[in-house]
N, C-alpha and C. Protein backbone atom coordinates (compact mmCIF):
# COMPACT_ATOMS: atom_id res chain seq x y z
N MET A 1 14.58 89.96 -153.70
CA MET A 1 15.42 88.80 -153.76
C MET A 1 16.44 88.83 -152.61
N LYS A 2 16.88 87.65 -152.25
CA LYS A 2 17.91 87.58 -151.21
C LYS A 2 19.12 88.39 -151.71
N PHE A 3 19.59 89.33 -150.85
CA PHE A 3 20.50 90.29 -151.39
C PHE A 3 21.88 89.79 -151.73
N SER A 4 22.28 88.56 -151.31
CA SER A 4 23.53 88.03 -151.70
C SER A 4 23.42 87.10 -152.92
N PHE A 5 22.19 86.98 -153.48
CA PHE A 5 21.95 86.19 -154.68
C PHE A 5 21.27 87.09 -155.70
N ALA A 6 22.03 87.65 -156.66
CA ALA A 6 21.45 88.58 -157.60
C ALA A 6 20.55 87.84 -158.55
N ALA A 7 19.39 88.43 -158.81
CA ALA A 7 18.44 87.85 -159.76
C ALA A 7 17.53 88.94 -160.26
N LEU A 8 16.92 88.70 -161.42
CA LEU A 8 16.10 89.72 -162.06
C LEU A 8 14.68 89.30 -162.09
N LEU A 9 13.77 90.24 -161.68
CA LEU A 9 12.34 89.99 -161.76
C LEU A 9 11.80 90.75 -163.01
N SER A 10 10.80 90.17 -163.63
CA SER A 10 10.18 90.86 -164.74
C SER A 10 9.31 91.97 -164.20
N ALA A 11 9.25 93.09 -164.98
CA ALA A 11 8.51 94.23 -164.51
C ALA A 11 7.00 94.04 -164.74
N ALA A 12 6.25 94.63 -163.80
CA ALA A 12 4.79 94.70 -163.97
C ALA A 12 4.47 96.15 -164.29
N GLY A 13 3.33 96.40 -164.93
CA GLY A 13 2.95 97.73 -165.28
C GLY A 13 2.82 98.63 -164.04
N ALA A 14 3.41 99.82 -164.10
CA ALA A 14 3.35 100.74 -162.96
C ALA A 14 1.97 101.42 -162.94
N ALA A 15 1.50 101.60 -161.69
CA ALA A 15 0.23 102.28 -161.51
C ALA A 15 0.22 102.85 -160.09
N LEU A 16 -0.46 104.00 -159.95
CA LEU A 16 -0.59 104.59 -158.64
C LEU A 16 -1.51 103.69 -157.81
N ALA A 17 -1.14 103.53 -156.49
CA ALA A 17 -1.90 102.70 -155.61
C ALA A 17 -3.17 103.45 -155.23
N ALA A 18 -4.28 102.69 -155.07
CA ALA A 18 -5.53 103.26 -154.60
C ALA A 18 -6.18 102.22 -153.73
N PRO A 19 -7.08 102.63 -152.82
CA PRO A 19 -7.71 101.67 -151.96
C PRO A 19 -8.39 100.62 -152.83
N ALA A 20 -8.23 99.32 -152.50
CA ALA A 20 -8.72 98.24 -153.31
C ALA A 20 -10.19 98.02 -152.92
N SER A 21 -11.06 97.89 -153.92
CA SER A 21 -12.43 97.53 -153.71
C SER A 21 -12.52 96.02 -153.28
N LEU A 22 -13.70 95.65 -152.79
CA LEU A 22 -13.84 94.24 -152.38
C LEU A 22 -13.64 93.36 -153.62
N GLU A 23 -14.11 93.77 -154.77
CA GLU A 23 -13.92 92.94 -155.94
C GLU A 23 -12.48 92.82 -156.34
N GLU A 24 -11.74 93.94 -156.23
CA GLU A 24 -10.31 93.87 -156.57
C GLU A 24 -9.53 93.05 -155.58
N ARG A 25 -9.96 93.09 -154.31
CA ARG A 25 -9.26 92.29 -153.30
C ARG A 25 -9.44 90.81 -153.60
N ALA A 26 -10.62 90.42 -154.13
CA ALA A 26 -10.94 89.00 -154.33
C ALA A 26 -10.30 88.48 -155.62
N THR A 27 -9.93 89.35 -156.58
CA THR A 27 -9.51 88.91 -157.87
C THR A 27 -8.00 88.88 -157.99
N LEU A 28 -7.44 87.73 -158.11
CA LEU A 28 -6.02 87.61 -158.31
C LEU A 28 -5.74 87.85 -159.81
N ASN A 29 -4.93 88.84 -160.15
CA ASN A 29 -4.74 89.17 -161.53
C ASN A 29 -3.27 89.21 -161.96
N TYR A 30 -2.37 88.69 -161.12
CA TYR A 30 -0.97 88.72 -161.44
C TYR A 30 -0.33 87.40 -161.04
N VAL A 31 0.48 86.89 -161.97
CA VAL A 31 1.24 85.66 -161.71
C VAL A 31 2.74 86.05 -161.69
N GLN A 32 3.39 85.82 -160.57
CA GLN A 32 4.81 86.06 -160.43
C GLN A 32 5.52 84.74 -160.81
N ASN A 33 6.33 84.80 -161.85
CA ASN A 33 6.99 83.57 -162.31
C ASN A 33 8.38 83.86 -162.76
N TYR A 34 9.28 83.89 -161.83
CA TYR A 34 10.72 84.05 -162.12
C TYR A 34 11.42 82.74 -161.94
N ASN A 35 11.86 82.13 -163.03
CA ASN A 35 12.54 80.83 -163.02
C ASN A 35 11.67 79.71 -162.50
N GLY A 36 10.37 79.85 -162.65
CA GLY A 36 9.43 78.84 -162.17
C GLY A 36 9.66 77.43 -162.82
N ALA A 37 10.13 77.44 -164.02
CA ALA A 37 10.37 76.16 -164.73
C ALA A 37 11.39 75.30 -163.98
N ALA A 38 12.31 75.95 -163.30
CA ALA A 38 13.36 75.25 -162.60
C ALA A 38 12.81 74.57 -161.32
N ALA A 39 11.54 74.92 -160.94
CA ALA A 39 10.93 74.34 -159.73
C ALA A 39 9.61 73.71 -159.99
N ASN A 40 9.38 73.36 -161.25
CA ASN A 40 8.06 72.71 -161.64
C ASN A 40 6.90 73.55 -161.13
N PHE A 41 6.94 74.83 -161.27
CA PHE A 41 5.92 75.74 -160.84
C PHE A 41 4.63 75.50 -161.62
N LYS A 42 3.53 75.29 -160.85
CA LYS A 42 2.24 75.11 -161.42
C LYS A 42 1.26 76.00 -160.70
N TYR A 43 0.27 76.54 -161.42
CA TYR A 43 -0.69 77.43 -160.75
C TYR A 43 -2.05 77.37 -161.43
N ASN A 44 -3.07 77.76 -160.63
CA ASN A 44 -4.40 77.97 -161.13
C ASN A 44 -4.86 79.29 -160.56
N ARG A 45 -4.80 80.33 -161.38
CA ARG A 45 -5.06 81.68 -160.90
C ARG A 45 -6.52 81.81 -160.45
N GLY A 46 -7.45 81.16 -161.18
CA GLY A 46 -8.84 81.27 -160.78
C GLY A 46 -9.13 80.65 -159.42
N ALA A 47 -8.41 79.59 -159.12
CA ALA A 47 -8.57 78.92 -157.81
C ALA A 47 -7.70 79.56 -156.75
N GLY A 48 -6.71 80.34 -157.19
CA GLY A 48 -5.81 80.95 -156.21
C GLY A 48 -4.77 79.99 -155.65
N THR A 49 -4.39 79.00 -156.44
CA THR A 49 -3.48 77.98 -155.91
C THR A 49 -2.18 77.94 -156.76
N TYR A 50 -1.09 77.54 -156.08
CA TYR A 50 0.16 77.28 -156.82
C TYR A 50 0.99 76.29 -156.04
N SER A 51 1.91 75.65 -156.75
CA SER A 51 2.82 74.70 -156.12
C SER A 51 4.17 74.74 -156.79
N LEU A 52 5.20 74.33 -156.08
CA LEU A 52 6.53 74.24 -156.67
C LEU A 52 7.37 73.25 -155.85
N ASN A 53 8.42 72.74 -156.49
CA ASN A 53 9.45 71.90 -155.87
C ASN A 53 10.77 72.35 -156.34
N TRP A 54 11.68 72.73 -155.47
CA TRP A 54 12.98 73.25 -155.91
C TRP A 54 14.11 72.40 -155.41
N ASN A 55 15.21 72.46 -156.15
CA ASN A 55 16.40 71.67 -155.80
C ASN A 55 17.59 72.31 -156.52
N GLY A 56 18.40 73.02 -155.78
CA GLY A 56 19.57 73.60 -156.42
C GLY A 56 19.72 75.08 -156.01
N ASN A 57 20.63 75.76 -156.69
CA ASN A 57 20.92 77.13 -156.32
C ASN A 57 20.37 78.19 -157.30
N THR A 58 19.44 77.81 -158.12
CA THR A 58 18.79 78.79 -159.01
C THR A 58 17.84 79.65 -158.21
N ASP A 59 17.93 80.94 -158.32
CA ASP A 59 16.96 81.80 -157.61
C ASP A 59 15.58 81.71 -158.26
N ILE A 60 14.60 81.42 -157.49
CA ILE A 60 13.20 81.22 -157.98
C ILE A 60 12.29 82.10 -157.13
N VAL A 61 11.39 82.84 -157.80
CA VAL A 61 10.40 83.61 -157.11
C VAL A 61 9.09 83.40 -157.84
N VAL A 62 8.12 82.74 -157.19
CA VAL A 62 6.82 82.44 -157.85
C VAL A 62 5.71 82.78 -156.86
N GLY A 63 4.52 83.10 -157.40
CA GLY A 63 3.41 83.34 -156.52
C GLY A 63 2.24 83.96 -157.29
N LEU A 64 1.20 84.26 -156.56
CA LEU A 64 0.00 84.87 -157.09
C LEU A 64 -0.37 86.11 -156.32
N GLY A 65 -0.93 87.09 -157.08
CA GLY A 65 -1.35 88.30 -156.38
C GLY A 65 -2.02 89.31 -157.29
N TRP A 66 -1.59 90.56 -157.18
CA TRP A 66 -2.25 91.67 -157.82
C TRP A 66 -1.22 92.54 -158.57
N THR A 67 -1.66 93.09 -159.73
CA THR A 67 -0.79 93.93 -160.51
C THR A 67 -0.45 95.21 -159.78
N THR A 68 -1.36 95.68 -158.93
CA THR A 68 -1.14 96.91 -158.16
C THR A 68 -1.30 96.58 -156.67
N GLY A 69 -0.24 96.82 -155.90
CA GLY A 69 -0.30 96.56 -154.47
C GLY A 69 -1.12 97.63 -153.74
N SER A 70 -1.49 97.27 -152.49
CA SER A 70 -2.16 98.20 -151.61
C SER A 70 -2.07 97.66 -150.21
N ALA A 71 -2.65 98.39 -149.27
CA ALA A 71 -2.65 97.98 -147.88
C ALA A 71 -3.78 96.96 -147.60
N ARG A 72 -3.83 95.92 -148.46
CA ARG A 72 -4.86 94.91 -148.34
C ARG A 72 -4.48 93.86 -147.30
N THR A 73 -5.44 93.09 -146.86
CA THR A 73 -5.23 91.93 -146.06
C THR A 73 -5.13 90.72 -146.97
N ILE A 74 -4.04 89.99 -146.87
CA ILE A 74 -3.78 88.83 -147.76
C ILE A 74 -3.94 87.53 -146.93
N ASN A 75 -4.77 86.64 -147.45
CA ASN A 75 -5.01 85.37 -146.81
C ASN A 75 -4.19 84.29 -147.53
N PHE A 76 -3.60 83.41 -146.78
CA PHE A 76 -2.80 82.34 -147.36
C PHE A 76 -2.93 81.07 -146.52
N SER A 77 -2.79 79.93 -147.18
CA SER A 77 -2.82 78.64 -146.50
C SER A 77 -2.10 77.61 -147.33
N GLY A 78 -1.73 76.52 -146.73
CA GLY A 78 -1.06 75.45 -147.52
C GLY A 78 0.07 74.80 -146.76
N SER A 79 1.02 74.26 -147.50
CA SER A 79 2.16 73.60 -146.93
C SER A 79 3.44 74.25 -147.48
N TYR A 80 4.37 74.36 -146.58
CA TYR A 80 5.68 74.94 -146.92
C TYR A 80 6.72 74.08 -146.21
N ASN A 81 7.53 73.40 -147.05
CA ASN A 81 8.50 72.46 -146.52
C ASN A 81 9.93 72.87 -146.95
N PRO A 82 10.54 73.80 -146.27
CA PRO A 82 11.81 74.33 -146.75
C PRO A 82 13.01 73.45 -146.37
N GLY A 83 12.85 72.56 -145.40
CA GLY A 83 14.02 71.83 -144.96
C GLY A 83 15.10 72.77 -144.48
N SER A 84 16.33 72.56 -144.96
CA SER A 84 17.41 73.50 -144.59
C SER A 84 17.72 74.42 -145.76
N SER A 85 16.82 74.58 -146.68
CA SER A 85 17.06 75.37 -147.88
C SER A 85 17.03 76.83 -147.53
N GLY A 86 17.64 77.64 -148.39
CA GLY A 86 17.45 79.06 -148.37
C GLY A 86 16.18 79.43 -149.08
N SER A 87 15.16 79.82 -148.36
CA SER A 87 13.90 80.16 -148.99
C SER A 87 13.03 80.99 -148.05
N TYR A 88 12.04 81.70 -148.67
CA TYR A 88 11.10 82.51 -147.92
C TYR A 88 9.68 82.17 -148.36
N TYR A 89 8.81 82.27 -147.44
CA TYR A 89 7.34 82.06 -147.63
C TYR A 89 6.75 83.44 -147.27
N THR A 90 6.29 84.26 -148.24
CA THR A 90 6.31 85.71 -147.98
C THR A 90 5.33 86.49 -148.81
N VAL A 91 4.83 87.56 -148.22
CA VAL A 91 4.27 88.65 -149.06
C VAL A 91 5.43 89.34 -149.69
N TYR A 92 5.29 89.72 -150.97
CA TYR A 92 6.41 90.28 -151.71
C TYR A 92 5.89 91.29 -152.71
N GLY A 93 6.60 92.41 -152.82
CA GLY A 93 6.17 93.40 -153.83
C GLY A 93 7.20 94.51 -153.98
N TRP A 94 6.78 95.53 -154.78
CA TRP A 94 7.63 96.66 -155.08
C TRP A 94 6.84 97.95 -155.03
N LEU A 95 7.53 99.03 -154.70
CA LEU A 95 7.03 100.39 -154.99
C LEU A 95 7.75 100.93 -156.18
N ASN A 96 7.06 101.73 -156.97
CA ASN A 96 7.69 102.34 -158.13
C ASN A 96 8.60 103.46 -157.79
N SER A 97 8.10 104.34 -156.83
CA SER A 97 8.85 105.54 -156.44
C SER A 97 8.51 105.95 -155.03
N PRO A 98 9.46 106.06 -154.13
CA PRO A 98 10.87 105.64 -154.35
C PRO A 98 10.96 104.13 -154.59
N LEU A 99 11.83 103.78 -155.54
CA LEU A 99 11.98 102.35 -155.85
C LEU A 99 12.29 101.53 -154.60
N THR A 100 11.45 100.60 -154.27
CA THR A 100 11.56 99.83 -153.05
C THR A 100 11.09 98.37 -153.27
N GLU A 101 11.85 97.45 -152.75
CA GLU A 101 11.45 96.05 -152.74
C GLU A 101 11.12 95.68 -151.32
N TYR A 102 9.99 94.90 -151.11
CA TYR A 102 9.60 94.61 -149.71
C TYR A 102 9.11 93.19 -149.54
N TYR A 103 9.32 92.68 -148.31
CA TYR A 103 8.93 91.34 -147.91
C TYR A 103 8.27 91.37 -146.50
N ILE A 104 7.17 90.62 -146.41
CA ILE A 104 6.66 90.32 -145.10
C ILE A 104 6.74 88.81 -144.97
N VAL A 105 7.77 88.31 -144.29
CA VAL A 105 8.15 86.90 -144.33
C VAL A 105 7.41 86.14 -143.20
N GLU A 106 6.54 85.20 -143.61
CA GLU A 106 5.80 84.43 -142.67
C GLU A 106 6.52 83.18 -142.17
N SER A 107 7.40 82.66 -142.97
CA SER A 107 8.24 81.56 -142.61
C SER A 107 9.48 81.55 -143.54
N TYR A 108 10.49 80.82 -143.11
CA TYR A 108 11.72 80.79 -143.93
C TYR A 108 12.49 79.51 -143.60
N GLY A 109 13.45 79.18 -144.43
CA GLY A 109 14.22 77.97 -144.24
C GLY A 109 15.43 78.25 -143.35
N SER A 110 16.59 78.13 -143.90
CA SER A 110 17.84 78.27 -143.07
C SER A 110 18.35 79.71 -142.94
N PHE A 111 17.74 80.65 -143.68
CA PHE A 111 18.28 82.00 -143.66
C PHE A 111 17.24 83.02 -143.34
N ASN A 112 17.47 83.75 -142.25
CA ASN A 112 16.67 84.89 -141.86
C ASN A 112 17.23 86.12 -142.52
N PRO A 113 16.46 86.81 -143.38
CA PRO A 113 17.05 87.89 -144.15
C PRO A 113 17.53 89.05 -143.24
N CYS A 114 16.99 89.16 -142.04
CA CYS A 114 17.44 90.21 -141.10
C CYS A 114 18.69 89.83 -140.34
N SER A 115 19.25 88.68 -140.67
CA SER A 115 20.54 88.28 -140.12
C SER A 115 21.68 88.40 -141.10
N GLY A 116 21.41 88.90 -142.28
CA GLY A 116 22.40 89.00 -143.33
C GLY A 116 23.39 90.14 -143.13
N SER A 117 24.42 90.15 -143.94
CA SER A 117 25.40 91.23 -143.85
C SER A 117 24.85 92.52 -144.47
N GLY A 118 25.28 93.63 -143.95
CA GLY A 118 24.88 94.91 -144.52
C GLY A 118 23.49 95.37 -144.21
N ILE A 119 22.77 94.70 -143.33
CA ILE A 119 21.43 95.10 -143.00
C ILE A 119 21.42 96.10 -141.87
N THR A 120 20.35 96.85 -141.76
CA THR A 120 20.15 97.81 -140.66
C THR A 120 18.89 97.34 -139.89
N GLN A 121 19.05 97.09 -138.62
CA GLN A 121 17.93 96.69 -137.79
C GLN A 121 17.03 97.88 -137.58
N GLN A 122 15.68 97.70 -137.72
CA GLN A 122 14.71 98.78 -137.60
C GLN A 122 13.67 98.52 -136.51
N GLY A 123 13.99 97.71 -135.51
CA GLY A 123 13.05 97.46 -134.45
C GLY A 123 12.10 96.34 -134.80
N SER A 124 10.90 96.42 -134.31
CA SER A 124 9.92 95.36 -134.47
C SER A 124 8.51 95.94 -134.59
N VAL A 125 7.62 95.17 -135.16
CA VAL A 125 6.23 95.51 -135.23
C VAL A 125 5.40 94.29 -134.90
N THR A 126 4.29 94.49 -134.16
CA THR A 126 3.44 93.36 -133.80
C THR A 126 2.20 93.40 -134.66
N SER A 127 1.89 92.26 -135.28
CA SER A 127 0.75 92.16 -136.16
C SER A 127 0.26 90.72 -136.28
N ASP A 128 -0.99 90.51 -136.39
CA ASP A 128 -1.54 89.17 -136.65
C ASP A 128 -0.99 88.10 -135.68
N GLY A 129 -0.91 88.45 -134.43
CA GLY A 129 -0.59 87.49 -133.39
C GLY A 129 0.88 87.19 -133.20
N SER A 130 1.79 88.02 -133.75
CA SER A 130 3.22 87.75 -133.60
C SER A 130 4.01 89.05 -133.72
N SER A 131 5.21 89.05 -133.09
CA SER A 131 6.15 90.11 -133.37
C SER A 131 6.92 89.81 -134.63
N TYR A 132 7.23 90.84 -135.39
CA TYR A 132 8.02 90.72 -136.60
C TYR A 132 9.30 91.55 -136.41
N GLN A 133 10.44 90.96 -136.71
CA GLN A 133 11.69 91.67 -136.76
C GLN A 133 11.73 92.48 -138.03
N VAL A 134 12.09 93.76 -137.95
CA VAL A 134 12.11 94.65 -139.07
C VAL A 134 13.54 95.08 -139.40
N CYS A 135 13.90 95.06 -140.67
CA CYS A 135 15.23 95.48 -141.04
C CYS A 135 15.17 96.06 -142.46
N THR A 136 16.17 96.79 -142.85
CA THR A 136 16.33 97.32 -144.20
C THR A 136 17.72 97.01 -144.72
N HIS A 137 17.82 97.04 -146.06
CA HIS A 137 19.13 96.81 -146.71
C HIS A 137 19.14 97.63 -147.99
N THR A 138 20.23 98.24 -148.28
CA THR A 138 20.39 98.98 -149.58
C THR A 138 21.03 98.14 -150.62
N GLN A 139 20.32 97.97 -151.73
CA GLN A 139 20.85 97.27 -152.90
C GLN A 139 21.52 98.32 -153.81
N VAL A 140 22.80 98.13 -154.12
CA VAL A 140 23.53 99.10 -154.92
C VAL A 140 23.77 98.50 -156.30
N HIS A 141 23.22 99.14 -157.34
CA HIS A 141 23.42 98.70 -158.73
C HIS A 141 23.06 97.24 -158.86
N GLN A 142 21.84 96.89 -158.49
CA GLN A 142 21.39 95.52 -158.56
C GLN A 142 20.13 95.46 -159.44
N PRO A 143 19.80 94.26 -159.97
CA PRO A 143 18.61 94.13 -160.81
C PRO A 143 17.32 94.54 -160.03
N SER A 144 16.40 95.14 -160.77
CA SER A 144 15.14 95.58 -160.19
C SER A 144 14.07 95.58 -161.24
N ILE A 145 12.88 96.02 -160.93
CA ILE A 145 11.79 96.08 -161.89
C ILE A 145 12.02 97.12 -162.97
N VAL A 146 13.00 98.01 -162.79
CA VAL A 146 13.32 99.01 -163.82
C VAL A 146 14.73 98.84 -164.39
N GLY A 147 15.27 97.65 -164.22
CA GLY A 147 16.65 97.37 -164.64
C GLY A 147 17.62 97.59 -163.50
N THR A 148 18.88 97.69 -163.78
CA THR A 148 19.87 97.83 -162.75
C THR A 148 19.69 99.19 -162.02
N ALA A 149 19.63 99.16 -160.70
CA ALA A 149 19.32 100.39 -159.93
C ALA A 149 19.84 100.20 -158.50
N THR A 150 19.80 101.31 -157.78
CA THR A 150 20.06 101.30 -156.34
C THR A 150 18.76 101.57 -155.65
N PHE A 151 18.40 100.74 -154.65
CA PHE A 151 17.10 100.82 -154.02
C PHE A 151 17.14 100.23 -152.63
N THR A 152 16.14 100.47 -151.83
CA THR A 152 16.02 99.95 -150.47
C THR A 152 15.13 98.72 -150.42
N GLN A 153 15.52 97.74 -149.64
CA GLN A 153 14.68 96.61 -149.31
C GLN A 153 14.16 96.74 -147.89
N PHE A 154 12.84 96.45 -147.70
CA PHE A 154 12.24 96.42 -146.36
C PHE A 154 11.86 94.98 -146.09
N PHE A 155 12.15 94.53 -144.85
CA PHE A 155 11.77 93.17 -144.43
C PHE A 155 11.03 93.22 -143.08
N SER A 156 9.93 92.53 -142.98
CA SER A 156 9.37 92.15 -141.68
C SER A 156 9.44 90.66 -141.62
N VAL A 157 10.08 90.08 -140.59
CA VAL A 157 10.24 88.63 -140.45
C VAL A 157 9.51 88.16 -139.23
N ARG A 158 8.52 87.33 -139.42
CA ARG A 158 7.69 86.85 -138.36
C ARG A 158 8.50 85.93 -137.41
N GLN A 159 8.36 86.22 -136.10
CA GLN A 159 9.11 85.43 -135.14
C GLN A 159 8.45 84.10 -134.77
N SER A 160 7.15 84.04 -134.95
CA SER A 160 6.37 82.77 -134.75
C SER A 160 5.97 82.27 -136.12
N LYS A 161 6.80 81.46 -136.75
CA LYS A 161 6.60 81.03 -138.14
C LYS A 161 5.22 80.35 -138.31
N ARG A 162 4.61 80.54 -139.48
CA ARG A 162 3.34 79.87 -139.74
C ARG A 162 3.19 79.64 -141.24
N THR A 163 2.28 78.70 -141.59
CA THR A 163 2.05 78.38 -142.97
C THR A 163 0.66 78.74 -143.44
N SER A 164 -0.16 79.30 -142.59
CA SER A 164 -1.48 79.79 -142.96
C SER A 164 -1.88 80.94 -142.08
N GLY A 165 -2.78 81.78 -142.57
CA GLY A 165 -3.28 82.89 -141.81
C GLY A 165 -3.60 84.09 -142.67
N SER A 166 -3.65 85.26 -142.06
CA SER A 166 -3.91 86.50 -142.79
C SER A 166 -2.79 87.49 -142.46
N VAL A 167 -2.37 88.23 -143.45
CA VAL A 167 -1.32 89.27 -143.30
C VAL A 167 -2.00 90.65 -143.43
N THR A 168 -2.01 91.40 -142.35
CA THR A 168 -2.54 92.77 -142.39
C THR A 168 -1.39 93.66 -142.85
N THR A 169 -1.25 93.82 -144.13
CA THR A 169 -0.09 94.56 -144.64
C THR A 169 -0.07 96.02 -144.17
N ALA A 170 -1.23 96.58 -143.91
CA ALA A 170 -1.31 97.95 -143.45
C ALA A 170 -0.49 98.19 -142.18
N ASN A 171 -0.47 97.21 -141.31
CA ASN A 171 0.32 97.36 -140.04
C ASN A 171 1.78 97.50 -140.33
N HIS A 172 2.30 96.72 -141.28
CA HIS A 172 3.68 96.79 -141.67
C HIS A 172 4.01 98.05 -142.38
N PHE A 173 3.19 98.41 -143.35
CA PHE A 173 3.44 99.65 -144.13
C PHE A 173 3.44 100.87 -143.22
N LYS A 174 2.52 100.91 -142.25
CA LYS A 174 2.44 102.08 -141.35
C LYS A 174 3.74 102.16 -140.51
N TYR A 175 4.19 101.04 -140.01
CA TYR A 175 5.46 101.06 -139.21
C TYR A 175 6.63 101.38 -140.10
N TRP A 176 6.70 100.75 -141.28
CA TRP A 176 7.82 101.03 -142.18
C TRP A 176 7.90 102.50 -142.58
N ALA A 177 6.72 103.11 -142.68
CA ALA A 177 6.72 104.52 -143.09
C ALA A 177 7.48 105.39 -142.10
N THR A 178 7.57 105.01 -140.87
CA THR A 178 8.38 105.74 -139.87
C THR A 178 9.84 105.50 -140.07
N LYS A 179 10.18 104.57 -140.93
CA LYS A 179 11.56 104.25 -141.22
C LYS A 179 11.95 104.61 -142.69
N GLY A 180 11.06 105.30 -143.36
CA GLY A 180 11.35 105.84 -144.71
C GLY A 180 10.63 105.17 -145.86
N PHE A 181 9.74 104.20 -145.55
CA PHE A 181 8.97 103.47 -146.61
C PHE A 181 7.99 104.48 -147.24
N GLY A 182 7.90 104.44 -148.58
CA GLY A 182 7.08 105.39 -149.29
C GLY A 182 5.59 105.22 -149.09
N ASN A 183 5.12 103.98 -148.88
CA ASN A 183 3.72 103.65 -148.59
C ASN A 183 2.77 104.22 -149.68
N GLY A 184 3.13 104.09 -150.89
CA GLY A 184 2.30 104.55 -152.01
C GLY A 184 2.97 104.20 -153.31
N ASN A 185 2.25 104.49 -154.46
CA ASN A 185 2.82 104.25 -155.77
C ASN A 185 3.31 102.84 -155.93
N PHE A 186 2.39 101.87 -155.64
CA PHE A 186 2.73 100.45 -155.62
C PHE A 186 2.82 99.87 -156.99
N ASN A 187 3.74 98.95 -157.18
CA ASN A 187 3.77 98.08 -158.35
C ASN A 187 3.09 96.78 -157.88
N TYR A 188 3.49 95.61 -158.43
CA TYR A 188 2.74 94.41 -158.08
C TYR A 188 2.97 93.97 -156.65
N GLN A 189 2.10 93.04 -156.19
CA GLN A 189 2.12 92.54 -154.81
C GLN A 189 1.60 91.11 -154.86
N VAL A 190 2.34 90.18 -154.31
CA VAL A 190 1.98 88.74 -154.37
C VAL A 190 2.25 88.08 -153.04
N PHE A 191 1.63 86.93 -152.90
CA PHE A 191 2.10 86.00 -151.81
C PHE A 191 2.98 84.99 -152.55
N ALA A 192 4.24 84.96 -152.20
CA ALA A 192 5.24 84.26 -153.00
C ALA A 192 6.00 83.25 -152.20
N THR A 193 6.64 82.35 -152.90
CA THR A 193 7.71 81.50 -152.36
C THR A 193 8.95 81.83 -153.10
N GLU A 194 10.00 82.21 -152.42
CA GLU A 194 11.32 82.43 -153.04
C GLU A 194 12.25 81.34 -152.53
N ALA A 195 13.05 80.81 -153.42
CA ALA A 195 14.04 79.78 -153.01
C ALA A 195 15.33 80.10 -153.76
N PHE A 196 16.45 79.93 -153.10
CA PHE A 196 17.74 80.24 -153.74
C PHE A 196 18.86 79.25 -153.40
N SER A 197 18.55 78.24 -152.60
CA SER A 197 19.50 77.17 -152.34
C SER A 197 18.84 75.97 -151.71
N GLY A 198 19.45 74.81 -151.85
CA GLY A 198 18.91 73.64 -151.23
C GLY A 198 17.66 73.08 -151.94
N SER A 199 16.87 72.31 -151.22
CA SER A 199 15.64 71.72 -151.81
C SER A 199 14.49 71.83 -150.88
N GLY A 200 13.28 71.86 -151.44
CA GLY A 200 12.03 71.98 -150.67
C GLY A 200 10.82 72.01 -151.55
N SER A 201 9.71 72.28 -150.94
CA SER A 201 8.44 72.34 -151.74
C SER A 201 7.46 73.21 -151.03
N ALA A 202 6.49 73.68 -151.77
CA ALA A 202 5.37 74.45 -151.22
C ALA A 202 4.14 74.25 -152.09
N SER A 203 2.99 74.28 -151.41
CA SER A 203 1.69 74.25 -152.11
C SER A 203 0.79 75.22 -151.38
N VAL A 204 0.36 76.26 -152.09
CA VAL A 204 -0.20 77.47 -151.46
C VAL A 204 -1.53 77.84 -152.07
N THR A 205 -2.47 78.31 -151.24
CA THR A 205 -3.68 78.96 -151.68
C THR A 205 -3.68 80.41 -151.19
N VAL A 206 -3.99 81.32 -152.10
CA VAL A 206 -3.90 82.78 -151.84
C VAL A 206 -5.25 83.43 -152.12
N SER A 207 -5.64 84.39 -151.28
CA SER A 207 -6.82 85.21 -151.59
C SER A 207 -6.66 86.57 -150.90
């Protein structure tokens, strides 16, 4: 979540990460729905599609993905219309241990998370045709998948914004690992839209 807007995500079952089979890669088995009702969140997990429309300052995180993350390639397409809202169009997930929240941001509205207060710049990584700005932030006594905790957030923010393509998560995880990312013991992993201010809409297909 955007670190200046506290919000709570529901926990997914913890499991050790393992290389995903082709069948597992193709099967979306997790629905991320935090405050989706506030944004008219609709989804079809079988088709890999979801949509939402937000208006206001309620923190919303919705999307589709997998109960256990891995270094998979995630495909996404659709429309993302953030206007001047605070929002991210992003790969999103957690590690169980060390407890870590992570984002690979493909596009965003008015707020680049690597420009926020209290962040540490961690260089850049090139992947999927663009450079990504990398930064970290420490959340102290904030909501997490295990309740209130202190944990690290990792962000890769794409410099050439896009609304469709493929995200090679392995490239980010490998680079982040040089900055302290655990790169294992994954909790859930989704392609999400997060919104926390203003108004906008998104309609997304994930595979």
